[in-house]
Amino acid sequence: MWDDLCQLGARRSFDPGDHLVFWGADEHGLMAIESGVCKIVNSTVEGRQTLATVRGPGEILGEISTLTGSSRSSSVVALSPVDVVMISGADFDRWLDHEPGAGRKLATMLAERVAETTRFGIGSQRRVDVRLADRILFLVDRFGAVDGEGEVDLHTSLTHEDLAAWVGATRAVTTRGMGTLRDLGHLDFGRGWIRVRDRCALETFCQER
């Protein structure tokens, strides 16, 4: 089904830092991510940017504006080199009409995204280090690469500013939270990478707080 969807459009590549989508743009069409990682950025009424989530290979972008005809509700920025397939709204509509199971697949994806948003919202009152641990586990499930020692490497190029925008904290507080997780032996990190040393301990850390 994914391969058939990707046959509908033209491929386009983006470099890290490029905008795939601008918030408020009056344009429609779907993007299917073939490779790379993107961040979804929202803007508050005060003009402050918040990071909503991260998307990667096998996921689609722009489905809401394509289905509703509304303007873009978020900006999308490449965190790494990204390859996408650009699909027109008309082609996507025809694909939904004729591809068996496509509508159910789309509905499942949208339900999962609602659950993801709810999960992040429920944890919004928890300590920053717990929120960070939760987001890192989210990334591990989607983008983690397990090495020979059972540790998990993340190469999403998220900065501490990005993480701060994701958990709703200042950069200084976020850096201290990451330091706490490192001091506990749950992870290590550097510029452009995070290594989870003990996933089970990180999960327990989230559950106990």
N, C-alpha and C. Protein backbone atom coordinates (compact mmCIF):
# COMPACT_ATOMS: atom_id res chain seq x y z
N MET A 1 0.83 -1.20 0.00
CA MET A 1 0.00 0.00 0.00
C MET A 1 0.88 1.26 0.00
N TRP A 2 1.93 1.26 0.83
CA TRP A 2 2.83 2.41 0.88
C TRP A 2 3.51 2.66 -0.46
N ASP A 3 3.98 1.57 -1.09
CA ASP A 3 4.65 1.70 -2.39
C ASP A 3 3.70 2.28 -3.43
N ASP A 4 2.45 1.83 -3.40
CA ASP A 4 1.47 2.35 -4.35
C ASP A 4 1.23 3.84 -4.13
N LEU A 5 1.15 4.25 -2.86
CA LEU A 5 0.96 5.66 -2.56
C LEU A 5 2.12 6.49 -3.09
N CYS A 6 3.33 5.99 -2.91
CA CYS A 6 4.52 6.75 -3.33
C CYS A 6 4.68 6.81 -4.84
N GLN A 7 3.93 5.99 -5.56
CA GLN A 7 3.97 6.05 -7.02
C GLN A 7 3.12 7.19 -7.58
N LEU A 8 2.36 7.85 -6.71
CA LEU A 8 1.42 8.85 -7.18
C LEU A 8 2.03 10.22 -7.43
N GLY A 9 3.21 10.47 -6.86
CA GLY A 9 3.74 11.82 -6.94
C GLY A 9 5.19 11.89 -7.39
N ALA A 10 5.75 13.09 -7.26
CA ALA A 10 7.13 13.34 -7.66
C ALA A 10 8.01 13.44 -6.42
N ARG A 11 9.22 12.94 -6.53
CA ARG A 11 10.14 12.96 -5.39
C ARG A 11 10.85 14.31 -5.30
N ARG A 12 11.09 14.71 -4.04
CA ARG A 12 11.79 15.95 -3.79
C ARG A 12 12.68 15.79 -2.56
N SER A 13 13.83 16.41 -2.58
CA SER A 13 14.78 16.30 -1.47
C SER A 13 14.94 17.63 -0.76
N PHE A 14 15.19 17.55 0.55
CA PHE A 14 15.39 18.74 1.38
C PHE A 14 16.64 18.54 2.24
N ASP A 15 17.33 19.65 2.50
CA ASP A 15 18.50 19.63 3.37
C ASP A 15 18.09 19.97 4.80
N PRO A 16 18.94 19.61 5.79
CA PRO A 16 18.64 19.98 7.17
C PRO A 16 18.39 21.48 7.32
N GLY A 17 17.33 21.84 8.01
CA GLY A 17 16.97 23.24 8.19
C GLY A 17 15.98 23.76 7.17
N ASP A 18 15.79 23.04 6.07
CA ASP A 18 14.82 23.48 5.05
C ASP A 18 13.39 23.30 5.57
N HIS A 19 12.52 24.21 5.17
CA HIS A 19 11.09 24.08 5.45
C HIS A 19 10.44 23.25 4.34
N LEU A 20 9.76 22.19 4.74
CA LEU A 20 8.93 21.45 3.80
C LEU A 20 7.57 22.11 3.67
N VAL A 21 7.11 22.69 4.79
CA VAL A 21 5.81 23.33 4.86
C VAL A 21 5.93 24.56 5.75
N PHE A 22 5.24 25.63 5.40
CA PHE A 22 5.18 26.82 6.23
C PHE A 22 3.78 26.94 6.85
N TRP A 23 3.77 27.24 8.14
CA TRP A 23 2.49 27.45 8.83
C TRP A 23 1.68 28.55 8.14
N GLY A 24 0.38 28.28 7.97
CA GLY A 24 -0.52 29.26 7.38
C GLY A 24 -0.53 29.28 5.86
N ALA A 25 0.33 28.50 5.23
CA ALA A 25 0.36 28.51 3.76
C ALA A 25 -0.95 27.97 3.20
N ASP A 26 -1.45 28.63 2.18
CA ASP A 26 -2.70 28.23 1.55
C ASP A 26 -2.39 27.29 0.39
N GLU A 27 -1.91 26.13 0.76
CA GLU A 27 -1.56 25.11 -0.24
C GLU A 27 -1.99 23.76 0.27
N HIS A 28 -2.22 22.84 -0.65
CA HIS A 28 -2.71 21.53 -0.27
C HIS A 28 -1.85 20.47 -0.95
N GLY A 29 -1.99 19.27 -0.49
CA GLY A 29 -1.19 18.17 -1.01
C GLY A 29 -0.50 17.44 0.12
N LEU A 30 -0.19 16.22 -0.14
CA LEU A 30 0.35 15.31 0.86
C LEU A 30 1.83 15.08 0.59
N MET A 31 2.59 14.82 1.65
CA MET A 31 3.99 14.44 1.52
C MET A 31 4.21 13.10 2.22
N ALA A 32 4.76 12.15 1.51
CA ALA A 32 5.09 10.85 2.08
C ALA A 32 6.60 10.80 2.30
N ILE A 33 7.02 10.60 3.55
CA ILE A 33 8.45 10.61 3.87
C ILE A 33 9.07 9.26 3.53
N GLU A 34 10.02 9.27 2.61
CA GLU A 34 10.73 8.04 2.27
C GLU A 34 11.98 7.85 3.11
N SER A 35 12.66 8.95 3.42
CA SER A 35 13.85 8.87 4.27
C SER A 35 14.06 10.19 4.97
N GLY A 36 14.73 10.14 6.13
CA GLY A 36 15.01 11.35 6.88
C GLY A 36 14.02 11.62 7.98
N VAL A 37 14.30 12.65 8.76
CA VAL A 37 13.49 12.99 9.94
C VAL A 37 13.12 14.47 9.90
N CYS A 38 11.88 14.79 10.24
CA CYS A 38 11.37 16.16 10.26
C CYS A 38 10.79 16.48 11.62
N LYS A 39 10.79 17.76 11.97
CA LYS A 39 10.10 18.21 13.17
C LYS A 39 8.88 19.03 12.77
N ILE A 40 7.81 18.87 13.55
CA ILE A 40 6.57 19.60 13.32
C ILE A 40 6.52 20.75 14.32
N VAL A 41 6.45 21.97 13.82
CA VAL A 41 6.56 23.16 14.66
C VAL A 41 5.26 23.95 14.61
N ASN A 42 4.75 24.31 15.81
CA ASN A 42 3.56 25.16 15.92
C ASN A 42 3.96 26.52 16.44
N SER A 43 3.14 27.53 16.18
CA SER A 43 3.37 28.87 16.68
C SER A 43 2.24 29.28 17.60
N THR A 44 2.58 29.85 18.77
CA THR A 44 1.57 30.32 19.70
C THR A 44 1.11 31.71 19.29
N VAL A 45 0.04 32.20 19.93
CA VAL A 45 -0.48 33.53 19.61
C VAL A 45 0.53 34.61 19.99
N GLU A 46 1.45 34.28 20.93
CA GLU A 46 2.49 35.25 21.30
C GLU A 46 3.68 35.21 20.35
N GLY A 47 3.62 34.30 19.36
CA GLY A 47 4.72 34.20 18.41
C GLY A 47 5.80 33.23 18.81
N ARG A 48 5.61 32.53 19.95
CA ARG A 48 6.60 31.55 20.40
C ARG A 48 6.39 30.23 19.67
N GLN A 49 7.47 29.58 19.29
CA GLN A 49 7.38 28.31 18.58
C GLN A 49 7.48 27.14 19.56
N THR A 50 6.65 26.15 19.33
CA THR A 50 6.70 24.93 20.11
C THR A 50 6.87 23.74 19.16
N LEU A 51 7.58 22.73 19.62
CA LEU A 51 7.78 21.54 18.82
C LEU A 51 6.69 20.53 19.18
N ALA A 52 5.88 20.15 18.20
CA ALA A 52 4.74 19.27 18.47
C ALA A 52 5.16 17.81 18.48
N THR A 53 5.95 17.40 17.49
CA THR A 53 6.38 16.01 17.40
C THR A 53 7.45 15.88 16.33
N VAL A 54 7.86 14.65 16.08
CA VAL A 54 8.88 14.35 15.07
C VAL A 54 8.34 13.25 14.17
N ARG A 55 8.57 13.36 12.88
CA ARG A 55 8.09 12.38 11.90
C ARG A 55 9.26 11.83 11.09
N GLY A 56 9.07 10.59 10.59
CA GLY A 56 10.14 9.96 9.84
C GLY A 56 9.64 9.03 8.76
N PRO A 57 10.50 8.15 8.25
CA PRO A 57 10.15 7.29 7.11
C PRO A 57 8.88 6.48 7.34
N GLY A 58 8.07 6.40 6.29
CA GLY A 58 6.83 5.64 6.36
C GLY A 58 5.66 6.44 6.89
N GLU A 59 5.87 7.74 7.17
CA GLU A 59 4.79 8.58 7.68
C GLU A 59 4.43 9.64 6.63
N ILE A 60 3.23 10.19 6.78
CA ILE A 60 2.76 11.21 5.85
C ILE A 60 2.61 12.53 6.57
N LEU A 61 2.68 13.61 5.80
CA LEU A 61 2.55 14.98 6.31
C LEU A 61 1.49 15.71 5.48
N GLY A 62 0.79 16.64 6.12
CA GLY A 62 -0.15 17.48 5.39
C GLY A 62 -1.51 16.87 5.16
N GLU A 63 -1.82 15.79 5.91
CA GLU A 63 -3.08 15.11 5.66
C GLU A 63 -4.29 15.95 6.08
N ILE A 64 -4.14 16.77 7.13
CA ILE A 64 -5.30 17.54 7.61
C ILE A 64 -5.71 18.60 6.59
N SER A 65 -4.76 19.41 6.12
CA SER A 65 -5.10 20.45 5.16
C SER A 65 -5.55 19.85 3.83
N THR A 66 -4.98 18.68 3.47
CA THR A 66 -5.38 18.03 2.23
C THR A 66 -6.82 17.53 2.31
N LEU A 67 -7.21 16.98 3.46
CA LEU A 67 -8.56 16.43 3.61
C LEU A 67 -9.60 17.53 3.83
N THR A 68 -9.21 18.61 4.51
CA THR A 68 -10.19 19.64 4.87
C THR A 68 -10.17 20.87 3.97
N GLY A 69 -9.09 21.04 3.20
CA GLY A 69 -8.96 22.23 2.38
C GLY A 69 -8.54 23.46 3.14
N SER A 70 -8.14 23.31 4.39
CA SER A 70 -7.72 24.44 5.21
C SER A 70 -6.25 24.77 4.96
N SER A 71 -5.81 25.91 5.49
CA SER A 71 -4.40 26.28 5.36
C SER A 71 -3.56 25.40 6.27
N ARG A 72 -2.26 25.41 6.06
CA ARG A 72 -1.37 24.57 6.84
C ARG A 72 -1.41 24.97 8.31
N SER A 73 -1.57 23.99 9.19
CA SER A 73 -1.71 24.26 10.62
C SER A 73 -0.38 24.22 11.36
N SER A 74 0.69 23.78 10.70
CA SER A 74 2.01 23.69 11.33
C SER A 74 3.07 23.90 10.27
N SER A 75 4.27 24.22 10.74
CA SER A 75 5.44 24.21 9.86
C SER A 75 6.14 22.87 10.00
N VAL A 76 6.81 22.45 8.93
CA VAL A 76 7.59 21.21 8.95
C VAL A 76 9.00 21.55 8.52
N VAL A 77 9.98 21.17 9.35
CA VAL A 77 11.38 21.51 9.11
C VAL A 77 12.21 20.23 9.10
N ALA A 78 13.09 20.10 8.13
CA ALA A 78 13.95 18.92 8.04
C ALA A 78 15.02 18.95 9.13
N LEU A 79 15.15 17.84 9.86
CA LEU A 79 16.22 17.70 10.84
C LEU A 79 17.45 17.01 10.24
N SER A 80 17.25 16.32 9.15
CA SER A 80 18.30 15.60 8.45
C SER A 80 18.01 15.72 6.96
N PRO A 81 18.87 15.23 6.09
CA PRO A 81 18.47 15.15 4.69
C PRO A 81 17.18 14.34 4.56
N VAL A 82 16.21 14.88 3.86
CA VAL A 82 14.88 14.27 3.78
C VAL A 82 14.48 14.09 2.33
N ASP A 83 13.94 12.91 2.02
CA ASP A 83 13.37 12.63 0.70
C ASP A 83 11.88 12.35 0.88
N VAL A 84 11.06 13.09 0.15
CA VAL A 84 9.62 12.91 0.23
C VAL A 84 9.03 12.75 -1.17
N VAL A 85 7.82 12.21 -1.21
CA VAL A 85 7.04 12.17 -2.43
C VAL A 85 5.90 13.17 -2.28
N MET A 86 5.81 14.12 -3.19
CA MET A 86 4.77 15.15 -3.17
C MET A 86 3.55 14.64 -3.94
N ILE A 87 2.40 14.55 -3.27
CA ILE A 87 1.20 13.97 -3.85
C ILE A 87 0.08 15.00 -3.82
N SER A 88 -0.56 15.22 -4.93
CA SER A 88 -1.64 16.21 -5.00
C SER A 88 -2.86 15.71 -4.23
N GLY A 89 -3.69 16.66 -3.79
CA GLY A 89 -4.91 16.30 -3.08
C GLY A 89 -5.85 15.46 -3.94
N ALA A 90 -5.93 15.78 -5.22
CA ALA A 90 -6.82 15.02 -6.11
C ALA A 90 -6.34 13.59 -6.26
N ASP A 91 -5.03 13.40 -6.42
CA ASP A 91 -4.50 12.04 -6.54
C ASP A 91 -4.70 11.26 -5.25
N PHE A 92 -4.54 11.94 -4.12
CA PHE A 92 -4.74 11.27 -2.83
C PHE A 92 -6.19 10.86 -2.65
N ASP A 93 -7.13 11.73 -3.05
CA ASP A 93 -8.56 11.39 -2.97
C ASP A 93 -8.88 10.16 -3.80
N ARG A 94 -8.36 10.11 -5.01
CA ARG A 94 -8.62 8.95 -5.88
C ARG A 94 -8.03 7.68 -5.28
N TRP A 95 -6.84 7.81 -4.69
CA TRP A 95 -6.20 6.66 -4.07
C TRP A 95 -7.04 6.13 -2.91
N LEU A 96 -7.57 7.04 -2.08
CA LEU A 96 -8.42 6.61 -0.98
C LEU A 96 -9.68 5.91 -1.47
N ASP A 97 -10.23 6.39 -2.60
CA ASP A 97 -11.46 5.81 -3.14
C ASP A 97 -11.24 4.41 -3.70
N HIS A 98 -10.06 4.15 -4.23
CA HIS A 98 -9.86 2.91 -4.98
C HIS A 98 -8.93 1.90 -4.32
N GLU A 99 -8.17 2.31 -3.31
CA GLU A 99 -7.24 1.39 -2.66
C GLU A 99 -7.95 0.69 -1.49
N PRO A 100 -8.14 -0.63 -1.56
CA PRO A 100 -8.81 -1.35 -0.47
C PRO A 100 -8.06 -1.17 0.85
N GLY A 101 -8.79 -0.78 1.87
CA GLY A 101 -8.19 -0.65 3.19
C GLY A 101 -7.49 0.66 3.45
N ALA A 102 -7.40 1.53 2.43
CA ALA A 102 -6.67 2.79 2.62
C ALA A 102 -7.36 3.69 3.63
N GLY A 103 -8.68 3.76 3.57
CA GLY A 103 -9.41 4.62 4.50
C GLY A 103 -9.22 4.17 5.95
N ARG A 104 -9.27 2.87 6.17
CA ARG A 104 -9.07 2.35 7.53
C ARG A 104 -7.65 2.62 7.99
N LYS A 105 -6.69 2.47 7.09
CA LYS A 105 -5.29 2.73 7.45
C LYS A 105 -5.11 4.20 7.85
N LEU A 106 -5.73 5.09 7.09
CA LEU A 106 -5.63 6.52 7.39
C LEU A 106 -6.31 6.82 8.73
N ALA A 107 -7.48 6.23 8.97
CA ALA A 107 -8.19 6.47 10.22
C ALA A 107 -7.36 5.98 11.41
N THR A 108 -6.71 4.84 11.25
CA THR A 108 -5.86 4.31 12.33
C THR A 108 -4.71 5.25 12.61
N MET A 109 -4.08 5.77 11.55
CA MET A 109 -2.96 6.70 11.71
C MET A 109 -3.41 7.96 12.44
N LEU A 110 -4.56 8.51 12.06
CA LEU A 110 -5.06 9.72 12.70
C LEU A 110 -5.38 9.46 14.17
N ALA A 111 -5.94 8.28 14.48
CA ALA A 111 -6.25 7.94 15.86
C ALA A 111 -4.97 7.82 16.68
N GLU A 112 -3.93 7.24 16.09
CA GLU A 112 -2.65 7.12 16.78
C GLU A 112 -2.05 8.50 17.07
N ARG A 113 -2.23 9.44 16.15
CA ARG A 113 -1.69 10.77 16.36
C ARG A 113 -2.47 11.51 17.45
N VAL A 114 -3.77 11.28 17.54
CA VAL A 114 -4.54 11.86 18.64
C VAL A 114 -4.06 11.29 19.97
N ALA A 115 -3.83 9.96 20.01
CA ALA A 115 -3.34 9.32 21.23
C ALA A 115 -1.96 9.86 21.60
N GLU A 116 -1.13 10.11 20.60
CA GLU A 116 0.21 10.66 20.84
C GLU A 116 0.11 12.05 21.47
N THR A 117 -0.76 12.89 20.93
CA THR A 117 -0.96 14.23 21.48
C THR A 117 -1.49 14.16 22.91
N THR A 118 -2.43 13.24 23.14
CA THR A 118 -2.99 13.07 24.49
C THR A 118 -1.92 12.63 25.47
N ARG A 119 -1.07 11.70 25.02
CA ARG A 119 0.01 11.22 25.89
C ARG A 119 0.91 12.37 26.32
N PHE A 120 1.31 13.20 25.39
CA PHE A 120 2.19 14.32 25.72
C PHE A 120 1.47 15.32 26.63
N GLY A 121 0.17 15.52 26.37
CA GLY A 121 -0.59 16.47 27.18
C GLY A 121 -0.76 16.01 28.61
N ILE A 122 -1.01 14.72 28.80
CA ILE A 122 -1.19 14.18 30.15
C ILE A 122 0.06 14.38 30.99
N GLY A 123 1.22 14.27 30.34
CA GLY A 123 2.47 14.39 31.07
C GLY A 123 2.99 15.81 31.22
N SER A 124 2.18 16.80 30.82
CA SER A 124 2.69 18.17 30.78
C SER A 124 2.98 18.75 32.16
N GLN A 125 2.39 18.17 33.23
CA GLN A 125 2.63 18.68 34.58
C GLN A 125 3.74 17.91 35.30
N ARG A 126 4.33 16.95 34.65
CA ARG A 126 5.39 16.18 35.29
C ARG A 126 6.71 16.96 35.23
N ARG A 127 7.69 16.50 35.99
CA ARG A 127 8.98 17.18 36.00
C ARG A 127 9.60 17.14 34.61
N VAL A 128 10.46 18.11 34.34
CA VAL A 128 11.05 18.22 33.01
C VAL A 128 11.89 16.99 32.67
N ASP A 129 12.65 16.44 33.62
CA ASP A 129 13.47 15.27 33.30
C ASP A 129 12.60 14.07 32.94
N VAL A 130 11.41 13.97 33.55
CA VAL A 130 10.49 12.87 33.21
C VAL A 130 9.91 13.09 31.81
N ARG A 131 9.54 14.34 31.51
CA ARG A 131 9.03 14.65 30.17
C ARG A 131 10.09 14.36 29.10
N LEU A 132 11.33 14.69 29.40
CA LEU A 132 12.41 14.39 28.47
C LEU A 132 12.57 12.90 28.26
N ALA A 133 12.53 12.14 29.34
CA ALA A 133 12.64 10.69 29.24
C ALA A 133 11.53 10.10 28.37
N ASP A 134 10.32 10.63 28.54
CA ASP A 134 9.18 10.17 27.75
C ASP A 134 9.36 10.46 26.27
N ARG A 135 9.83 11.67 25.94
CA ARG A 135 10.05 12.03 24.54
C ARG A 135 11.16 11.17 23.93
N ILE A 136 12.20 10.90 24.70
CA ILE A 136 13.31 10.09 24.18
C ILE A 136 12.84 8.66 23.92
N LEU A 137 12.00 8.12 24.78
CA LEU A 137 11.45 6.79 24.52
C LEU A 137 10.59 6.79 23.26
N PHE A 138 9.86 7.87 23.05
CA PHE A 138 9.08 8.03 21.81
C PHE A 138 9.99 7.96 20.59
N LEU A 139 11.13 8.66 20.66
CA LEU A 139 12.09 8.66 19.55
C LEU A 139 12.73 7.29 19.37
N VAL A 140 13.02 6.61 20.47
CA VAL A 140 13.62 5.28 20.41
C VAL A 140 12.72 4.32 19.63
N ASP A 141 11.42 4.38 19.91
CA ASP A 141 10.47 3.48 19.25
C ASP A 141 10.45 3.69 17.74
N ARG A 142 10.73 4.91 17.30
CA ARG A 142 10.60 5.22 15.87
C ARG A 142 11.93 5.28 15.13
N PHE A 143 12.97 5.74 15.78
CA PHE A 143 14.21 6.01 15.06
C PHE A 143 15.45 5.37 15.69
N GLY A 144 15.25 4.58 16.73
CA GLY A 144 16.40 4.02 17.42
C GLY A 144 17.11 2.93 16.64
N ALA A 145 18.44 2.92 16.75
CA ALA A 145 19.27 1.88 16.13
C ALA A 145 20.04 1.18 17.23
N VAL A 146 19.75 -0.11 17.45
CA VAL A 146 20.39 -0.86 18.52
C VAL A 146 21.77 -1.32 18.09
N ASP A 147 22.77 -1.07 18.94
CA ASP A 147 24.12 -1.51 18.61
C ASP A 147 24.38 -2.89 19.19
N GLY A 148 25.59 -3.37 19.04
CA GLY A 148 25.93 -4.73 19.46
C GLY A 148 25.86 -4.94 20.96
N GLU A 149 25.89 -3.86 21.73
CA GLU A 149 25.85 -3.97 23.19
C GLU A 149 24.45 -3.75 23.75
N GLY A 150 23.46 -3.62 22.86
CA GLY A 150 22.09 -3.44 23.31
C GLY A 150 21.72 -2.01 23.62
N GLU A 151 22.66 -1.08 23.44
CA GLU A 151 22.33 0.33 23.62
C GLU A 151 21.68 0.86 22.35
N VAL A 152 20.96 1.98 22.48
CA VAL A 152 20.19 2.51 21.35
C VAL A 152 20.71 3.90 20.98
N ASP A 153 21.08 4.06 19.72
CA ASP A 153 21.56 5.34 19.22
C ASP A 153 20.44 6.09 18.51
N LEU A 154 20.35 7.38 18.79
CA LEU A 154 19.41 8.27 18.11
C LEU A 154 20.20 9.34 17.39
N HIS A 155 19.96 9.48 16.10
CA HIS A 155 20.63 10.52 15.31
C HIS A 155 19.55 11.39 14.67
N THR A 156 18.79 12.10 15.51
CA THR A 156 17.70 12.92 15.01
C THR A 156 18.09 14.39 14.87
N SER A 157 19.30 14.75 15.33
CA SER A 157 19.80 16.13 15.25
C SER A 157 18.94 17.12 16.00
N LEU A 158 18.20 16.67 17.01
CA LEU A 158 17.45 17.59 17.85
C LEU A 158 18.40 18.32 18.78
N THR A 159 18.31 19.63 18.81
CA THR A 159 19.12 20.43 19.71
C THR A 159 18.43 20.53 21.07
N HIS A 160 19.14 21.07 22.06
CA HIS A 160 18.50 21.29 23.36
C HIS A 160 17.40 22.34 23.25
N GLU A 161 17.53 23.26 22.29
CA GLU A 161 16.44 24.22 22.04
C GLU A 161 15.20 23.50 21.54
N ASP A 162 15.40 22.50 20.65
CA ASP A 162 14.28 21.72 20.15
C ASP A 162 13.61 20.95 21.29
N LEU A 163 14.43 20.27 22.09
CA LEU A 163 13.89 19.50 23.20
C LEU A 163 13.15 20.40 24.19
N ALA A 164 13.71 21.58 24.44
CA ALA A 164 13.06 22.53 25.34
C ALA A 164 11.69 22.93 24.80
N ALA A 165 11.61 23.19 23.49
CA ALA A 165 10.34 23.56 22.86
C ALA A 165 9.36 22.41 22.90
N TRP A 166 9.88 21.18 22.91
CA TRP A 166 9.01 19.99 22.91
C TRP A 166 8.42 19.73 24.29
N VAL A 167 9.19 19.98 25.34
CA VAL A 167 8.70 19.69 26.69
C VAL A 167 8.17 20.93 27.41
N GLY A 168 8.24 22.09 26.75
CA GLY A 168 7.71 23.30 27.34
C GLY A 168 8.54 23.83 28.49
N ALA A 169 9.85 23.86 28.30
CA ALA A 169 10.76 24.35 29.35
C ALA A 169 11.79 25.26 28.72
N THR A 170 12.58 25.93 29.55
CA THR A 170 13.67 26.73 29.03
C THR A 170 14.83 25.81 28.63
N ARG A 171 15.73 26.36 27.83
CA ARG A 171 16.89 25.57 27.42
C ARG A 171 17.73 25.18 28.63
N ALA A 172 17.93 26.10 29.59
CA ALA A 172 18.76 25.81 30.76
C ALA A 172 18.17 24.67 31.59
N VAL A 173 16.86 24.71 31.81
CA VAL A 173 16.21 23.65 32.58
C VAL A 173 16.27 22.33 31.83
N THR A 174 16.12 22.38 30.51
CA THR A 174 16.20 21.18 29.69
C THR A 174 17.59 20.56 29.76
N THR A 175 18.62 21.38 29.68
CA THR A 175 19.99 20.89 29.77
C THR A 175 20.24 20.23 31.12
N ARG A 176 19.71 20.84 32.19
CA ARG A 176 19.86 20.22 33.51
C ARG A 176 19.12 18.88 33.57
N GLY A 177 17.94 18.82 32.95
CA GLY A 177 17.18 17.57 32.93
C GLY A 177 17.92 16.47 32.19
N MET A 178 18.51 16.82 31.06
CA MET A 178 19.30 15.83 30.31
C MET A 178 20.51 15.39 31.14
N GLY A 179 21.11 16.34 31.86
CA GLY A 179 22.23 16.00 32.72
C GLY A 179 21.84 15.03 33.82
N THR A 180 20.63 15.20 34.37
CA THR A 180 20.13 14.27 35.38
C THR A 180 20.01 12.86 34.82
N LEU A 181 19.45 12.74 33.63
CA LEU A 181 19.31 11.43 33.01
C LEU A 181 20.66 10.79 32.71
N ARG A 182 21.63 11.62 32.36
CA ARG A 182 22.99 11.10 32.13
C ARG A 182 23.63 10.67 33.44
N ASP A 183 23.47 11.48 34.49
CA ASP A 183 24.06 11.14 35.78
C ASP A 183 23.48 9.83 36.34
N LEU A 184 22.22 9.56 36.03
CA LEU A 184 21.59 8.32 36.48
C LEU A 184 22.02 7.11 35.66
N GLY A 185 22.75 7.35 34.57
CA GLY A 185 23.23 6.26 33.73
C GLY A 185 22.24 5.77 32.70
N HIS A 186 21.15 6.52 32.52
CA HIS A 186 20.12 6.09 31.57
C HIS A 186 20.51 6.40 30.13
N LEU A 187 21.28 7.48 29.91
CA LEU A 187 21.64 7.87 28.56
C LEU A 187 22.91 8.71 28.56
N ASP A 188 23.40 8.96 27.37
CA ASP A 188 24.49 9.90 27.16
C ASP A 188 24.12 10.72 25.94
N PHE A 189 24.76 11.85 25.75
CA PHE A 189 24.39 12.69 24.61
C PHE A 189 25.53 13.62 24.25
N GLY A 190 25.46 14.10 23.04
CA GLY A 190 26.41 15.09 22.54
C GLY A 190 25.73 15.87 21.45
N ARG A 191 26.48 16.66 20.72
CA ARG A 191 25.89 17.48 19.66
C ARG A 191 25.33 16.60 18.54
N GLY A 192 24.02 16.58 18.37
CA GLY A 192 23.40 15.85 17.28
C GLY A 192 23.15 14.38 17.54
N TRP A 193 23.38 13.90 18.79
CA TRP A 193 23.13 12.48 19.05
C TRP A 193 22.74 12.25 20.51
N ILE A 194 21.98 11.18 20.71
CA ILE A 194 21.62 10.70 22.04
C ILE A 194 21.81 9.19 22.03
N ARG A 195 22.41 8.65 23.05
CA ARG A 195 22.55 7.20 23.19
C ARG A 195 21.84 6.76 24.47
N VAL A 196 20.85 5.90 24.31
CA VAL A 196 20.12 5.35 25.46
C VAL A 196 20.88 4.12 25.93
N ARG A 197 21.39 4.19 27.15
CA ARG A 197 22.21 3.09 27.68
C ARG A 197 21.37 2.02 28.35
N ASP A 198 20.24 2.40 28.89
CA ASP A 198 19.40 1.43 29.60
C ASP A 198 17.94 1.81 29.40
N ARG A 199 17.33 1.21 28.38
CA ARG A 199 15.94 1.57 28.05
C ARG A 199 14.99 1.17 29.17
N CYS A 200 15.20 -0.01 29.75
CA CYS A 200 14.30 -0.45 30.82
C CYS A 200 14.33 0.51 32.00
N ALA A 201 15.52 0.97 32.35
CA ALA A 201 15.65 1.92 33.46
C ALA A 201 14.97 3.24 33.11
N LEU A 202 15.07 3.65 31.84
CA LEU A 202 14.43 4.89 31.42
C LEU A 202 12.91 4.76 31.50
N GLU A 203 12.38 3.60 31.11
CA GLU A 203 10.93 3.36 31.21
C GLU A 203 10.49 3.37 32.66
N THR A 204 11.26 2.73 33.52
CA THR A 204 10.92 2.71 34.95
C THR A 204 10.95 4.11 35.53
N PHE A 205 11.92 4.90 35.11
CA PHE A 205 12.03 6.29 35.56
C PHE A 205 10.75 7.05 35.23
N CYS A 206 10.20 6.84 34.03
CA CYS A 206 8.95 7.52 33.63
C CYS A 206 7.77 7.03 34.45
N GLN A 207 7.70 5.74 34.72
CA GLN A 207 6.54 5.15 35.39
C GLN A 207 6.48 5.50 36.87
N GLU A 208 7.64 5.70 37.48
CA GLU A 208 7.66 5.91 38.92
C GLU A 208 7.46 7.36 39.30
N ARG A 209 7.39 8.25 38.33
CA ARG A 209 7.30 9.68 38.64
C ARG A 209 6.12 10.32 37.93
